[in-house]
Amino acid sequence: MKLKIAFKWFLKVGLYLAGVLYLGILTGSIYEAVVFPRSPQKVTLARAVEMDLLNEPAFLVFDQALYVSITDAAWECASVKQSGYKVLRERRSTDAVFSDASKTAVVFYQRDGFHSCEDLKASEIVGVLQRVYTRPVEYQSDASGRVVIGKDADALVYGFCTHCTPDGAVGIPIVGALLPFALWFMIKRWKTA
């Protein structure tokens, strides 16, 4: 009997904490959707890195998205890799690395579809610049072959999210707001089955 009461109490506390966490994440995603820039800033990579280093969380841990269009990318053509897989539909992507002439930072870039290095050089680079903290990272360089950036290296490493857009930022809180209703509907159907 005491075990049942303890389990119910534990379950209630767990659900309460999950609800508080859910509301915090939903509030943060709404904040990010509201402050997400409507158009990218055209900047050099050095300026984008400078903006990132000055970017502080404005609301708890949620900061302003660095939505940019990089104007001076120097592509490492040896790093271009194409991959694909099929789950529900076929997905093809191209992974590549770029920097700028002064090697301000190393940026890992992924784009949907198969693209050559010339295609990447000719296209506009638009998305959100995000710092990568996991190390080591490695890539193929045109000049020096395989490059490994270790844990102790001072090099700045970024990822570039090409699918992070204003529309996507708005979609996240909408899906998050609908999630409890979807769960309630599924539980209700499960109980009646």
Protein backbone atom coordinates (compact mmCIF):
# COMPACT_ATOMS: atom_id res chain seq x y z
CA MET A 1 0.00 0.00 0.00
CA LYS A 2 2.77 2.44 0.94
CA LEU A 3 4.60 1.52 -2.26
CA LYS A 4 1.54 2.45 -4.36
CA ILE A 5 1.22 5.81 -2.60
CA ALA A 6 4.95 6.51 -3.06
CA PHE A 7 4.75 5.58 -6.74
CA LYS A 8 1.72 7.87 -7.30
CA TRP A 9 3.48 10.70 -5.50
CA PHE A 10 6.65 10.13 -7.52
CA LEU A 11 4.59 10.08 -10.75
CA LYS A 12 2.79 13.32 -9.85
CA VAL A 13 6.06 15.11 -9.03
CA GLY A 14 7.59 13.81 -12.27
CA LEU A 15 4.64 15.03 -14.32
CA TYR A 16 4.74 18.41 -12.58
CA LEU A 17 8.46 18.83 -13.31
CA ALA A 18 7.94 17.72 -16.92
CA GLY A 19 5.15 20.31 -17.25
CA VAL A 20 7.36 23.08 -15.86
CA LEU A 21 10.19 22.05 -18.21
CA TYR A 22 7.76 21.94 -21.15
CA LEU A 23 6.43 25.45 -20.36
CA GLY A 24 10.00 26.78 -20.05
CA ILE A 25 11.02 25.33 -23.41
CA LEU A 26 7.79 26.53 -25.06
CA THR A 27 8.28 30.04 -23.66
CA GLY A 28 11.90 30.09 -24.87
CA SER A 29 10.96 28.89 -28.35
CA ILE A 30 8.25 31.57 -28.57
CA TYR A 31 10.85 34.15 -27.54
CA GLU A 32 13.30 32.88 -30.17
CA ALA A 33 10.57 32.97 -32.84
CA VAL A 34 9.70 36.58 -31.96
CA VAL A 35 13.30 37.84 -32.00
CA PHE A 36 14.46 35.75 -34.99
CA PRO A 37 15.56 38.21 -37.72
CA ARG A 38 13.24 38.34 -40.74
CA SER A 39 16.13 38.71 -43.19
CA PRO A 40 19.81 37.72 -42.98
CA GLN A 41 22.55 40.26 -42.40
CA LYS A 42 25.16 40.30 -45.17
CA VAL A 43 28.47 40.09 -43.31
CA THR A 44 31.99 38.78 -43.61
CA LEU A 45 32.87 35.68 -41.63
CA ALA A 46 35.10 37.76 -39.33
CA ARG A 47 32.17 40.08 -38.55
CA ALA A 48 29.83 37.12 -37.96
CA VAL A 49 32.32 35.59 -35.51
CA GLU A 50 32.67 38.95 -33.76
CA MET A 51 28.86 39.17 -33.47
CA ASP A 52 28.74 35.64 -32.05
CA LEU A 53 31.39 36.35 -29.44
CA LEU A 54 29.34 39.37 -28.26
CA ASN A 55 26.03 37.45 -28.33
CA GLU A 56 24.85 36.92 -24.74
CA PRO A 57 21.67 35.08 -23.75
CA ALA A 58 18.92 37.68 -23.63
CA PHE A 59 16.27 35.47 -21.98
CA LEU A 60 17.54 32.76 -19.61
CA VAL A 61 19.60 30.59 -22.00
CA PHE A 62 17.90 31.74 -25.20
CA ASP A 63 19.96 34.12 -27.32
CA GLN A 64 19.46 36.01 -30.54
CA ALA A 65 19.89 33.75 -33.59
CA LEU A 66 22.84 34.81 -35.74
CA TYR A 67 20.98 34.72 -39.08
CA VAL A 68 23.57 35.78 -41.66
CA SER A 69 24.61 35.67 -45.26
CA ILE A 70 28.38 35.14 -45.44
CA THR A 71 29.99 37.21 -48.20
CA ASP A 72 33.61 36.03 -48.17
CA ALA A 73 33.59 32.22 -47.88
CA ALA A 74 36.76 30.45 -48.97
CA TRP A 75 35.72 26.84 -49.59
CA GLU A 76 37.92 23.83 -48.85
CA CYS A 77 37.02 21.88 -52.01
CA ALA A 78 38.75 18.75 -50.71
CA SER A 79 36.23 18.66 -47.84
CA VAL A 80 33.16 18.39 -50.09
CA LYS A 81 31.34 15.09 -49.43
CA GLN A 82 28.01 13.95 -50.77
CA SER A 83 25.80 11.50 -48.95
CA GLY A 84 22.32 10.14 -49.18
CA TYR A 85 19.90 7.79 -47.48
CA LYS A 86 16.30 6.75 -47.81
CA VAL A 87 13.86 6.38 -44.93
CA LEU A 88 10.47 7.66 -46.04
CA ARG A 89 11.88 9.62 -48.94
CA GLU A 90 15.31 9.96 -50.44
CA ARG A 91 17.49 12.56 -48.75
CA ARG A 92 20.64 13.83 -50.38
CA SER A 93 23.05 16.29 -48.85
CA THR A 94 26.42 17.88 -49.38
CA ASP A 95 28.81 18.49 -46.49
CA ALA A 96 31.65 20.99 -46.86
CA VAL A 97 33.94 23.27 -44.89
CA PHE A 98 34.67 26.93 -45.46
CA SER A 99 36.61 29.71 -43.80
CA ASP A 100 37.75 33.12 -44.99
CA ALA A 101 41.08 34.34 -46.36
CA SER A 102 42.45 35.05 -42.87
CA LYS A 103 41.20 31.71 -41.41
CA THR A 104 39.07 33.46 -38.76
CA ALA A 105 37.05 30.30 -38.08
CA VAL A 106 36.35 26.88 -39.54
CA VAL A 107 32.69 26.47 -40.54
CA PHE A 108 31.06 23.09 -41.18
CA TYR A 109 28.28 23.47 -43.73
CA GLN A 110 25.56 21.11 -44.90
CA ARG A 111 23.16 21.72 -47.77
CA ASP A 112 20.34 19.63 -49.19
CA GLY A 113 21.05 18.06 -52.57
CA PHE A 114 24.26 17.09 -54.33
CA HIS A 115 26.49 20.08 -55.12
CA SER A 116 30.01 20.49 -56.43
CA CYS A 117 32.50 22.92 -54.94
CA GLU A 118 31.83 25.26 -57.88
CA ASP A 119 28.09 25.16 -57.09
CA LEU A 120 28.83 26.09 -53.48
CA LYS A 121 31.10 28.95 -54.53
CA ALA A 122 28.37 30.34 -56.78
CA SER A 123 25.56 30.07 -54.24
CA GLU A 124 24.54 32.43 -51.45
CA ILE A 125 25.41 31.15 -47.97
CA VAL A 126 22.37 31.92 -45.80
CA GLY A 127 21.56 30.44 -42.41
CA VAL A 128 22.36 30.51 -38.72
CA LEU A 129 25.95 30.38 -37.49
CA GLN A 130 26.25 28.18 -34.37
CA ARG A 131 29.36 27.52 -32.31
CA VAL A 132 30.55 23.89 -32.11
CA TYR A 133 31.96 22.96 -28.73
CA THR A 134 32.55 19.24 -29.25
CA ARG A 135 36.12 18.37 -30.13
CA PRO A 136 38.05 16.90 -31.87
CA VAL A 137 36.72 17.74 -35.31
CA GLU A 138 38.42 16.94 -38.59
CA TYR A 139 38.14 17.78 -42.25
CA GLN A 140 40.09 17.57 -45.51
CA SER A 141 41.95 20.78 -46.34
CA ASP A 142 43.03 21.77 -49.84
CA ALA A 143 46.45 22.90 -48.62
CA SER A 144 47.39 20.52 -45.82
CA GLY A 145 45.33 17.36 -46.22
CA ARG A 146 43.59 15.98 -43.15
CA VAL A 147 43.19 18.62 -40.42
CA VAL A 148 42.28 17.69 -36.85
CA ILE A 149 41.21 20.40 -34.43
CA GLY A 150 41.73 18.98 -30.94
CA LYS A 151 40.20 19.78 -27.57
CA ASP A 152 42.97 22.18 -26.59
CA ALA A 153 43.09 24.08 -29.89
CA ASP A 154 42.19 27.78 -29.85
CA ALA A 155 40.58 27.59 -33.30
CA LEU A 156 36.96 28.73 -33.51
CA VAL A 157 34.69 26.07 -35.00
CA TYR A 158 31.13 26.68 -36.18
CA GLY A 159 28.29 24.82 -37.77
CA PHE A 160 26.08 26.53 -40.33
CA CYS A 161 22.38 25.67 -40.19
CA THR A 162 20.95 26.25 -43.67
CA HIS A 163 17.45 25.09 -42.73
CA CYS A 164 17.19 27.53 -39.77
CA THR A 165 14.88 30.19 -41.18
CA PRO A 166 12.30 32.66 -39.84
CA ASP A 167 9.50 30.28 -40.89
CA GLY A 168 11.17 27.38 -39.11
CA ALA A 169 11.59 29.45 -35.95
CA VAL A 170 7.83 30.17 -35.95
CA GLY A 171 6.98 26.52 -36.63
CA ILE A 172 8.76 25.17 -33.54
CA PRO A 173 6.48 26.84 -30.92
CA ILE A 174 3.39 26.00 -32.99
CA VAL A 175 4.32 22.30 -32.97
CA GLY A 176 5.26 22.59 -29.28
CA ALA A 177 1.88 24.13 -28.42
CA LEU A 178 0.03 21.36 -30.26
CA LEU A 179 2.04 18.58 -28.59
CA PRO A 180 -0.07 18.29 -25.38
CA PHE A 181 -3.27 18.04 -27.44
CA ALA A 182 -1.74 15.30 -29.59
CA LEU A 183 -0.61 13.40 -26.48
CA TRP A 184 -4.06 13.80 -24.85
CA PHE A 185 -5.73 12.51 -28.03
CA MET A 186 -3.40 9.49 -28.21
CA ILE A 187 -3.92 8.62 -24.53
CA LYS A 188 -7.69 8.96 -24.91
CA ARG A 189 -7.67 6.62 -27.94
CA TRP A 190 -5.39 4.19 -26.12
CA LYS A 191 -7.75 4.02 -23.12
CA THR A 192 -10.80 3.38 -25.32
CA ALA A 193 -9.08 0.67 -27.39
